[in-house]
Protein backbone atom coordinates (compact mmCIF):
# COMPACT_ATOMS: atom_id res chain seq x y z
CA UNK A 1 -15.22 -18.65 5.85
CA UNK A 2 -17.20 -16.12 3.85
CA UNK A 3 -17.87 -12.65 5.17
CA UNK A 4 -21.38 -12.03 6.50
CA UNK A 5 -23.74 -9.71 4.66
CA UNK A 6 -23.65 -6.13 5.94
CA UNK A 7 -26.08 -5.04 8.62
CA UNK A 8 -27.35 -2.31 6.30
CA UNK A 9 -28.25 -4.81 3.56
CA UNK A 10 -30.00 -7.06 6.06
CA UNK A 11 -32.13 -4.14 7.25
CA UNK A 12 -32.98 -3.06 3.68
CA UNK A 13 -34.09 -6.55 2.68
CA UNK A 14 -36.29 -7.01 5.73
CA UNK A 15 -37.71 -3.51 5.37
CA UNK A 16 -38.56 -4.15 1.71
CA UNK A 17 -40.45 -7.29 2.70
CA UNK A 18 -42.15 -6.00 5.85
CA UNK A 19 -42.97 -2.40 4.92
CA UNK A 20 -43.11 -2.43 1.12
CA UNK A 21 -44.92 -5.77 0.84
CA UNK A 22 -42.29 -7.37 -1.39
CA UNK A 23 -42.42 -11.17 -1.50
CA UNK A 24 -39.41 -13.07 -0.17
CA UNK A 25 -38.74 -14.59 -3.59
CA UNK A 26 -38.88 -11.14 -5.24
CA UNK A 27 -36.54 -9.69 -2.63
CA UNK A 28 -34.25 -12.65 -3.16
CA UNK A 29 -34.01 -11.88 -6.88
CA UNK A 30 -33.80 -8.11 -6.38
CA UNK A 31 -30.98 -8.20 -3.81
CA UNK A 32 -29.30 -11.29 -5.33
CA UNK A 33 -29.32 -13.36 -2.16
CA UNK A 34 -30.85 -16.75 -1.47
CA UNK A 35 -34.34 -17.16 -0.11
CA UNK A 36 -32.95 -19.36 2.65
CA UNK A 37 -30.75 -16.48 3.82
CA UNK A 38 -33.79 -14.22 4.09
CA UNK A 39 -35.61 -16.91 6.07
CA UNK A 40 -32.63 -17.21 8.42
CA UNK A 41 -32.61 -13.44 8.94
CA UNK A 42 -36.31 -13.47 9.84
CA UNK A 43 -35.67 -16.36 12.20
CA UNK A 44 -32.81 -14.49 13.86
CA UNK A 45 -34.94 -11.37 14.18
CA UNK A 46 -37.69 -13.40 15.86
CA UNK A 47 -35.20 -14.98 18.29
CA UNK A 48 -33.01 -12.01 19.15
CA UNK A 49 -34.98 -8.98 17.98
CA UNK A 50 -32.24 -7.95 15.56
CA UNK A 51 -30.60 -9.22 12.38
CA UNK A 52 -27.02 -8.52 13.42
CA UNK A 53 -24.56 -11.14 12.18
CA UNK A 54 -23.34 -13.65 14.72
CA UNK A 55 -19.84 -12.94 15.97
CA UNK A 56 -17.34 -15.04 14.06
CA UNK A 57 -15.17 -17.36 16.11
CA UNK A 58 -11.51 -16.51 15.94
CA UNK A 59 -9.35 -19.36 14.76
CA UNK A 60 -6.20 -17.85 16.21
CA UNK A 61 -5.46 -19.41 19.54
CA UNK A 62 -2.98 -17.98 21.97
CA UNK A 63 0.53 -19.31 21.74
CA UNK A 64 1.31 -21.91 24.35
CA UNK A 65 4.90 -20.68 24.49
CA UNK A 66 4.97 -17.01 25.43
CA UNK A 67 8.34 -16.59 27.15
CA UNK A 68 10.69 -16.93 24.18
CA UNK A 69 13.90 -16.32 26.16
CA UNK A 70 12.94 -19.12 28.53
CA UNK A 71 12.24 -21.37 25.54
CA UNK A 72 15.58 -20.48 23.91
CA UNK A 73 17.38 -21.41 27.15
CA UNK A 74 15.33 -24.60 27.35
CA UNK A 75 16.38 -25.54 23.80
CA UNK A 76 20.05 -24.93 24.62
CA UNK A 77 19.78 -27.27 27.60
CA UNK A 78 17.64 -29.95 25.95
CA UNK A 79 18.42 -29.53 22.24
CA UNK A 80 19.87 -33.04 22.02
CA UNK A 81 16.49 -34.59 22.84
CA UNK A 82 13.67 -35.35 20.45
CA UNK A 83 10.71 -33.00 20.13
CA UNK A 84 8.48 -35.49 21.94
CA UNK A 85 10.91 -35.61 24.87
CA UNK A 86 11.21 -31.83 24.88
CA UNK A 87 7.41 -31.49 24.98
CA UNK A 88 7.28 -33.80 28.00
CA UNK A 89 9.96 -31.78 29.79
CA UNK A 90 8.33 -28.37 29.18
CA UNK A 91 6.59 -26.78 32.22
CA UNK A 92 3.13 -26.77 30.68
CA UNK A 93 1.39 -29.44 28.66
CA UNK A 94 2.27 -28.93 24.99
CA UNK A 95 2.60 -31.16 21.94
CA UNK A 96 5.68 -32.05 19.95
CA UNK A 97 4.15 -30.09 17.05
CA UNK A 98 4.10 -26.97 19.25
CA UNK A 99 7.80 -27.52 19.94
CA UNK A 100 8.38 -27.87 16.20
CA UNK A 101 6.55 -24.61 15.41
CA UNK A 102 8.41 -22.78 18.17
CA UNK A 103 11.78 -24.03 16.93
CA UNK A 104 10.87 -22.94 13.41
CA UNK A 105 9.82 -19.52 14.70
CA UNK A 106 13.22 -19.11 16.33
CA UNK A 107 14.94 -20.21 13.13
CA UNK A 108 16.34 -23.38 14.67
CA UNK A 109 16.53 -26.73 12.93
CA UNK A 110 16.21 -30.27 14.27
CA UNK A 111 18.84 -31.69 11.91
CA UNK A 112 21.78 -32.72 14.03
CA UNK A 113 24.51 -32.76 11.38
CA UNK A 114 23.55 -31.06 8.12
CA UNK A 115 27.04 -31.48 6.63
CA UNK A 116 26.98 -35.24 7.24
CA UNK A 117 23.71 -35.48 5.33
CA UNK A 118 25.05 -33.40 2.44
CA UNK A 119 28.23 -35.51 2.29
CA UNK A 120 26.22 -38.75 2.27
CA UNK A 121 24.10 -37.43 -0.57
CA UNK A 122 27.22 -36.62 -2.61
CA UNK A 123 28.63 -40.10 -1.97
CA UNK A 124 25.39 -41.72 -3.08
CA UNK A 125 25.31 -39.61 -6.24
CA UNK A 126 28.84 -40.78 -7.22
CA UNK A 127 27.92 -44.47 -6.87
CA UNK A 128 24.82 -44.28 -9.06
């Protein structure tokens, strides 16, 4: 998402139009912004009385797992289960993807036997 124009610029553009009699199209060319943006600023000023930018929504949501020691203990007890089963067993309602991200954050892997996989790959390479 793009950053909003500064409050100072918004005020200068509206002041140039209202007080100095500049046309919206001239202000648009002078300040290098679209005419639609100027119209939106006037609309916002009429609705709210100010041209302050709307607060941007934060995309960062709070982590569903906050007690990491509890989660580490939970993984030690239920590590043999799938992520879907682990998500169902967790105290709060969480998804298997949340379990996956939490395991990754702790540096844990879901592969049960990494050496068995590596050995199988070597065997397959010899037969080809």
